Amino acid sequence: MIFFAIFIPMVIIGKRHLYVHEHEASIRKEINKFDETIKTIDVITTKSDFTISKDHLY
């Protein structure tokens, strides 16, 4: 009984800690990908006469 009283809080704290770091890395990865996409769109629109309007389907 004492084992479970010590083990269960350790598992809960450990799982919460791992969960936060796992998602933080994936969120940063998606933010970086978004930033690269925005920069690419800016380069396309500034270097050529290509414009993005409501008539384009992506």
C-alpha atoms as a PDB file:
ATOM      1  CA  MET A   1       0.000   0.000   0.000  1.00  0.00           C
ATOM      2  CA  ILE A   2       2.824   2.392   0.821  1.00  0.00           C
ATOM      3  CA  PHE A   3       4.396   1.563  -2.553  1.00  0.00           C
ATOM      4  CA  PHE A   4       1.297   2.744  -4.420  1.00  0.00           C
ATOM      5  CA  ALA A   5       1.055   5.873  -2.286  1.00  0.00           C
ATOM      6  CA  ILE A   6       4.557   6.830  -3.427  1.00  0.00           C
ATOM      7  CA  PHE A   7       4.493   5.408  -6.954  1.00  0.00           C
ATOM      8  CA  ILE A   8       1.223   6.903  -8.249  1.00  0.00           C
ATOM      9  CA  PRO A   9       2.118  10.583  -7.544  1.00  0.00           C
ATOM     10  CA  MET A  10       5.538  10.017  -9.165  1.00  0.00           C
ATOM     11  CA  VAL A  11       3.881   8.609 -12.289  1.00  0.00           C
ATOM     12  CA  ILE A  12       1.404  11.486 -12.504  1.00  0.00           C
ATOM     13  CA  ILE A  13       4.117  14.139 -12.107  1.00  0.00           C
ATOM     14  CA  GLY A  14       6.405  12.366 -14.577  1.00  0.00           C
ATOM     15  CA  LYS A  15       3.712  11.949 -17.210  1.00  0.00           C
ATOM     16  CA  ARG A  16       2.685  15.593 -16.966  1.00  0.00           C
ATOM     17  CA  HIS A  17       6.311  16.694 -17.374  1.00  0.00           C
ATOM     18  CA  LEU A  18       6.870  14.528 -20.469  1.00  0.00           C
ATOM     19  CA  TYR A  19       3.567  15.554 -22.043  1.00  0.00           C
ATOM     20  CA  VAL A  20       4.432  19.274 -21.904  1.00  0.00           C
ATOM     21  CA  HIS A  21       7.877  18.904 -23.495  1.00  0.00           C
ATOM     22  CA  GLU A  22       6.627  16.609 -26.238  1.00  0.00           C
ATOM     23  CA  HIS A  23       4.017  19.084 -27.427  1.00  0.00           C
ATOM     24  CA  GLU A  24       6.264  22.099 -27.023  1.00  0.00           C
ATOM     25  CA  ALA A  25       8.692  20.667 -29.576  1.00  0.00           C
ATOM     26  CA  SER A  26       5.931  19.890 -32.080  1.00  0.00           C
ATOM     27  CA  ILE A  27       4.409  23.350 -31.636  1.00  0.00           C
ATOM     28  CA  ARG A  28       7.786  24.994 -32.276  1.00  0.00           C
ATOM     29  CA  LYS A  29       8.251  22.823 -35.370  1.00  0.00           C
ATOM     30  CA  GLU A  30       4.878  23.902 -36.778  1.00  0.00           C
ATOM     31  CA  ILE A  31       5.576  27.568 -36.017  1.00  0.00           C
ATOM     32  CA  ASN A  32       8.901  27.351 -37.849  1.00  0.00           C
ATOM     33  CA  LYS A  33       7.229  25.671 -40.822  1.00  0.00           C
ATOM     34  CA  PHE A  34       4.580  28.394 -40.895  1.00  0.00           C
ATOM     35  CA  ASP A  35       7.231  31.129 -40.789  1.00  0.00           C
ATOM     36  CA  GLU A  36       9.120  29.525 -43.694  1.00  0.00           C
ATOM     37  CA  THR A  37       5.916  29.311 -45.730  1.00  0.00           C
ATOM     38  CA  ILE A  38       5.113  32.971 -45.112  1.00  0.00           C
ATOM     39  CA  LYS A  39       8.646  33.970 -46.151  1.00  0.00           C
ATOM     40  CA  THR A  40       8.329  31.909 -49.337  1.00  0.00           C
ATOM     41  CA  ILE A  41       5.023  33.568 -50.185  1.00  0.00           C
ATOM     42  CA  ASP A  42       6.578  36.992 -49.600  1.00  0.00           C
ATOM     43  CA  VAL A  43       9.475  36.139 -51.931  1.00  0.00           C
ATOM     44  CA  ILE A  44       7.098  34.928 -54.640  1.00  0.00           C
ATOM     45  CA  THR A  45       4.940  38.039 -54.450  1.00  0.00           C
ATOM     46  CA  THR A  46       7.846  40.494 -54.407  1.00  0.00           C
ATOM     47  CA  LYS A  47      10.052  38.959 -57.128  1.00  0.00           C
ATOM     48  CA  SER A  48       7.426  38.467 -59.786  1.00  0.00           C
ATOM     49  CA  ASP A  49       4.135  39.888 -60.919  1.00  0.00           C
ATOM     50  CA  PHE A  50       2.341  36.935 -59.332  1.00  0.00           C
ATOM     51  CA  THR A  51      -0.356  38.060 -56.919  1.00  0.00           C
ATOM     52  CA  ILE A  52      -2.585  36.142 -54.598  1.00  0.00           C
ATOM     53  CA  SER A  53      -6.224  37.042 -54.846  1.00  0.00           C
ATOM     54  CA  LYS A  54      -9.569  35.544 -53.981  1.00  0.00           C
ATOM     55  CA  ASP A  55      -9.773  33.903 -57.427  1.00  0.00           C
ATOM     56  CA  HIS A  56      -6.871  31.529 -56.781  1.00  0.00           C
ATOM     57  CA  LEU A  57      -7.627  28.082 -55.419  1.00  0.00           C
ATOM     58  CA  TYR A  58      -4.967  26.286 -53.382  1.00  0.00           C
END
